[in-house]
Protein backbone atom coordinates (compact mmCIF):
# COMPACT_ATOMS: atom_id res chain seq x y z
CA MET A 1 216.76 149.63 24.39
CA GLN A 2 218.45 148.76 27.71
CA THR A 3 221.80 150.09 26.55
CA ALA A 4 220.34 153.03 25.18
CA ASN A 5 218.19 154.14 28.64
CA SER A 6 221.67 153.09 30.23
CA LYS A 7 223.96 155.60 27.62
CA ASN A 8 220.94 158.04 28.76
CA LYS A 9 221.60 157.33 32.85
CA PHE A 10 225.37 157.75 32.16
CA GLN A 11 225.11 161.12 30.14
CA GLU A 12 222.30 162.46 32.95
CA ALA A 13 224.52 161.70 35.66
CA PHE A 14 227.24 163.05 34.66
CA THR A 15 225.23 166.62 32.85
CA TYR A 16 222.67 167.26 35.27
CA PRO A 17 225.18 169.00 37.65
CA PHE A 18 225.44 171.99 34.61
CA THR A 19 221.44 172.15 34.07
CA ASP A 20 220.77 173.86 36.60
CA PRO A 21 220.15 177.46 36.14
CA ALA A 22 222.05 178.76 39.47
CA TRP A 23 224.88 175.58 39.03
CA ILE A 24 227.71 177.98 38.85
CA SER A 25 226.58 179.18 42.33
CA LYS A 26 226.10 175.42 43.87
CA LEU A 27 228.89 174.29 43.00
CA ALA A 28 230.89 177.29 44.33
CA ILE A 29 229.09 176.59 47.27
CA ALA A 30 230.52 172.55 47.33
CA ALA A 31 234.04 173.24 46.17
CA GLY A 32 234.38 176.75 48.58
CA LEU A 33 233.76 173.59 51.36
CA SER A 34 235.85 170.82 50.25
CA LEU A 35 238.85 173.43 50.42
CA PHE A 36 238.19 173.07 54.39
CA ASN A 37 237.89 169.96 54.79
CA VAL A 38 240.32 169.60 56.97
CA LEU A 39 238.05 171.62 59.18
CA ILE A 40 235.87 168.04 59.01
CA ILE A 41 232.64 169.57 59.27
CA PRO A 42 232.82 170.98 55.45
CA ILE A 43 233.32 167.07 54.65
CA PHE A 44 229.97 165.95 56.46
CA LEU A 45 228.02 168.57 54.91
CA VAL A 46 229.60 168.26 51.26
CA ALA A 47 227.92 164.74 52.37
CA GLY A 48 224.36 165.88 53.37
CA TYR A 49 223.53 167.06 50.54
CA GLY A 50 224.79 163.85 48.38
CA TYR A 51 222.61 162.97 50.39
CA ARG A 52 219.67 165.07 49.36
CA ILE A 53 220.89 164.41 45.60
CA MET A 54 220.23 160.20 46.11
CA GLN A 55 216.88 160.60 47.77
CA GLY A 56 215.51 162.83 44.76
CA VAL A 57 216.41 160.22 42.58
CA ILE A 58 215.15 156.59 44.98
CA VAL A 59 212.94 157.67 46.60
CA GLY A 60 211.43 160.77 44.59
CA ARG A 61 211.86 158.53 41.92
CA GLU A 62 212.75 162.00 40.09
CA PRO A 63 215.49 162.85 37.27
CA PRO A 64 219.08 164.11 39.09
CA GLU A 65 219.28 168.07 40.16
CA LEU A 66 220.99 169.56 42.62
CA PRO A 67 219.17 171.19 45.67
CA GLU A 68 219.11 174.00 47.25
CA TRP A 69 221.44 174.33 49.85
CA GLU A 70 219.88 174.75 53.24
CA ASP A 71 218.66 172.94 56.71
CA TRP A 72 222.32 173.01 57.42
CA GLY A 73 221.79 171.39 60.27
CA GLY A 74 219.89 168.54 58.90
CA LEU A 75 222.92 168.55 55.38
CA LEU A 76 225.33 167.39 58.91
CA LYS A 77 223.35 165.24 60.27
CA ASP A 78 222.35 163.00 57.43
CA GLY A 79 226.12 164.07 55.46
CA VAL A 80 227.43 161.91 59.56
CA ARG A 81 225.23 159.35 58.49
CA VAL A 82 226.44 158.59 55.01
CA TYR A 83 229.90 159.47 56.10
CA THR A 84 230.38 157.12 59.19
CA VAL A 85 228.80 153.88 56.44
CA GLY A 86 231.12 154.84 54.09
CA LEU A 87 233.54 154.47 56.98
CA VAL A 88 232.29 151.21 58.34
CA TYR A 89 232.69 149.59 55.02
CA THR A 90 236.55 150.89 54.01
CA LEU A 91 237.64 150.89 57.95
CA PRO A 92 239.16 146.46 57.60
CA ALA A 93 240.73 147.67 54.61
CA ILE A 94 241.74 150.76 56.09
CA LEU A 95 243.20 148.47 59.37
CA MET A 96 244.91 145.95 57.06
CA MET A 97 246.44 149.03 54.91
CA LEU A 98 247.44 150.01 58.96
CA ALA A 99 248.40 146.89 60.47
CA SER A 100 250.96 146.45 57.22
CA VAL A 101 252.59 149.86 57.51
CA ALA A 102 253.45 148.79 61.51
CA LEU A 103 254.63 145.41 60.45
CA ILE A 104 257.12 147.45 58.51
CA PHE A 105 258.35 150.18 60.74
CA VAL A 106 258.20 147.30 63.74
CA SER A 107 260.45 145.58 61.41
CA ALA A 108 262.79 147.80 60.64
CA ILE A 109 263.50 148.35 64.41
CA PRO A 110 266.57 145.85 64.40
CA MET A 111 268.30 147.38 61.84
CA VAL A 112 268.05 151.11 63.61
CA ASP A 113 269.12 149.37 66.56
CA ASN A 114 271.79 147.28 65.71
CA GLY A 115 272.34 148.30 61.45
CA SER A 116 271.83 144.18 60.85
CA VAL A 117 269.50 143.23 58.20
CA GLU A 118 268.24 140.46 58.16
CA PRO A 119 267.40 138.10 54.51
CA TRP A 120 263.48 137.85 56.42
CA MET A 121 263.46 141.52 56.72
CA LEU A 122 264.79 141.87 52.66
CA VAL A 123 261.78 139.61 52.35
CA LEU A 124 258.94 141.79 54.21
CA TRP A 125 260.03 144.59 52.56
CA LEU A 126 259.58 143.48 49.28
CA SER A 127 256.30 141.73 49.31
CA MET A 128 254.56 145.30 51.05
CA PRO A 129 253.51 146.39 47.37
CA VAL A 130 252.22 142.91 46.26
CA GLY A 131 250.26 143.23 50.41
CA ILE A 132 248.46 146.32 49.43
CA SER A 133 247.46 145.42 45.77
CA LEU A 134 246.07 141.73 47.63
CA ILE A 135 244.00 144.38 50.43
CA MET A 136 243.01 146.76 48.08
CA VAL A 137 241.50 143.59 45.68
CA LEU A 138 240.37 142.04 48.93
CA SER A 139 238.67 145.36 49.82
CA ILE A 140 236.65 145.78 46.58
CA PRO A 141 233.39 143.74 47.55
CA LEU A 142 233.00 146.18 50.64
CA GLN A 143 232.63 148.85 48.50
CA LEU A 144 230.50 147.40 46.45
CA ILE A 145 228.27 146.45 49.10
CA GLY A 146 229.03 149.84 50.65
CA GLN A 147 227.64 151.75 48.09
CA VAL A 148 224.94 149.97 48.24
CA ALA A 149 224.17 150.37 51.89
CA MET A 150 224.25 154.05 52.02
CA ALA A 151 221.68 153.88 49.07
CA GLN A 152 220.08 152.02 51.32
CA LEU A 153 220.14 154.42 54.06
CA VAL A 154 218.41 156.49 51.97
CA ALA A 155 216.18 154.54 50.88
CA LYS A 156 215.05 154.22 54.58
CA ASP A 157 215.81 157.00 56.18
CA ARG A 158 217.09 154.56 59.39
CA PHE A 159 220.69 154.35 60.02
CA SER A 160 220.66 150.44 60.92
CA ALA A 161 218.75 149.74 57.15
CA ALA A 162 222.71 150.35 56.13
CA PHE A 163 223.10 147.59 57.87
CA GLN A 164 220.98 144.80 56.58
CA ILE A 165 223.47 142.63 55.27
CA GLY A 166 220.67 140.05 53.46
CA GLU A 167 218.90 142.95 52.16
CA LEU A 168 221.63 144.50 50.99
CA TRP A 169 222.86 141.37 49.59
CA ALA A 170 219.67 140.38 48.00
CA ILE A 171 219.66 144.40 46.59
CA PHE A 172 223.34 144.14 44.89
CA LYS A 173 222.35 140.93 43.33
CA ALA A 174 219.02 142.11 41.45
CA ASN A 175 221.94 144.31 39.32
CA ALA A 176 225.26 143.34 40.78
CA GLY A 177 226.11 144.17 37.00
CA GLY A 178 225.03 147.75 37.90
CA PHE A 179 226.78 148.33 40.78
CA VAL A 180 230.14 146.86 39.22
CA LEU A 181 230.01 149.45 36.73
CA THR A 182 229.26 152.13 38.80
CA TRP A 183 232.57 151.37 40.99
CA LEU A 184 234.75 150.93 37.79
CA ILE A 185 233.17 154.49 36.31
CA VAL A 186 233.52 156.04 39.42
CA THR A 187 237.10 154.97 40.54
CA ALA A 188 238.59 155.92 36.75
CA ALA A 189 236.67 158.89 36.80
CA THR A 190 239.08 159.29 39.99
CA ILE A 191 241.53 158.40 39.20
CA GLY A 192 241.67 161.20 35.63
CA ILE A 193 241.02 163.64 38.21
CA ALA A 194 244.14 162.72 40.01
CA PHE A 195 246.29 162.40 37.06
CA VAL A 196 244.65 165.65 36.09
CA SER A 197 245.54 167.23 39.39
CA GLN A 198 248.72 165.79 39.32
CA PHE A 199 249.43 167.14 36.24
CA VAL A 200 248.52 170.62 37.12
CA MET A 201 250.25 171.03 40.16
CA PHE A 202 254.17 169.92 38.37
CA THR A 203 253.02 173.29 35.20
CA VAL A 204 254.40 176.39 36.90
CA VAL A 205 252.10 178.37 35.76
CA LEU A 206 249.04 176.70 36.66
CA CYS A 207 250.52 175.17 39.77
CA VAL A 208 248.78 177.77 42.21
CA ILE A 209 245.36 176.81 41.35
CA TYR A 210 245.95 172.80 42.15
CA PRO A 211 244.02 173.19 45.37
CA LEU A 212 240.82 174.84 43.43
CA VAL A 213 241.52 171.84 40.83
CA ILE A 214 241.87 169.23 44.08
CA ALA A 215 238.32 170.64 45.19
CA ALA A 216 236.54 170.73 42.17
CA GLY A 217 237.39 167.47 40.56
CA SER A 218 236.68 165.86 43.46
CA VAL A 219 233.30 167.66 44.60
CA TYR A 220 233.15 167.27 41.11
CA ILE A 221 233.54 163.23 40.44
CA ALA A 222 231.23 162.66 44.23
CA LEU A 223 227.87 164.83 43.14
CA VAL A 224 227.90 161.89 39.49
CA SER A 225 229.09 159.24 41.87
CA TYR A 226 226.26 159.76 43.94
CA VAL A 227 223.52 159.86 40.93
CA LEU A 228 225.19 157.26 39.71
CA TYR A 229 224.65 154.74 43.09
CA ALA A 230 221.76 155.99 42.98
CA GLN A 231 220.44 155.16 39.90
CA ALA A 232 222.01 151.28 40.34
CA TYR A 233 220.34 151.57 43.37
CA VAL A 234 216.23 151.67 41.66
CA GLU A 235 217.21 149.69 39.15
CA ALA A 236 218.14 146.98 41.24
CA VAL A 237 215.46 147.43 43.96
CA ASP A 238 212.93 147.72 40.56
CA SER A 239 213.91 144.11 39.82
CA HIS A 240 214.59 142.29 42.76
CA ARG A 241 210.41 143.47 43.52
CA ALA A 242 209.63 142.32 40.00
């Protein structure tokens, strides 16, 4: 019974964007904004839209739906909070990655200056893929807690709630399997979109629509992930309270 229920929720998360009578216009706005992510503000607006979607599932306990594009100031404020929470929980991995890259560049200075290549330099360069892989693996726990923190922010509507580690850990443990499964699904979907977009980019006829494919695919995965995070959080909270 639980398996069937979970299957229905996953199906609902992936199909709900297309059940709204105005889904074309609503998704077009989101994709259009994503085309201009370089301006930064569109990123916050789409994140704020995700906040509203999660709010309906977590607070309203309603089936997922696409809200109206309105109250742009509120969307911007909520989006900044959501994005900041996500950034904080990914920052350690980002910093470790930047430190690794910086170390490689610094180690190459002797070679640039006098053309000499020391054995330790070769070892360092060859070990870089292993180091990057290790950083990615170590970042997974933070990503998992990060998705709980994002949902907690929506549930409490309080920025500090996203950093109450003890409470976040208790919620995560209450539905660890659900959060891990959600992470795996979102990661696989993201990789899938990246693969498709690369195929489009290397296809002469379709390469002209590459930016649109990236924008539409990224927005769709984001909207699905917001619902999956919210569903996992609701299950965890209900289990934790039981």
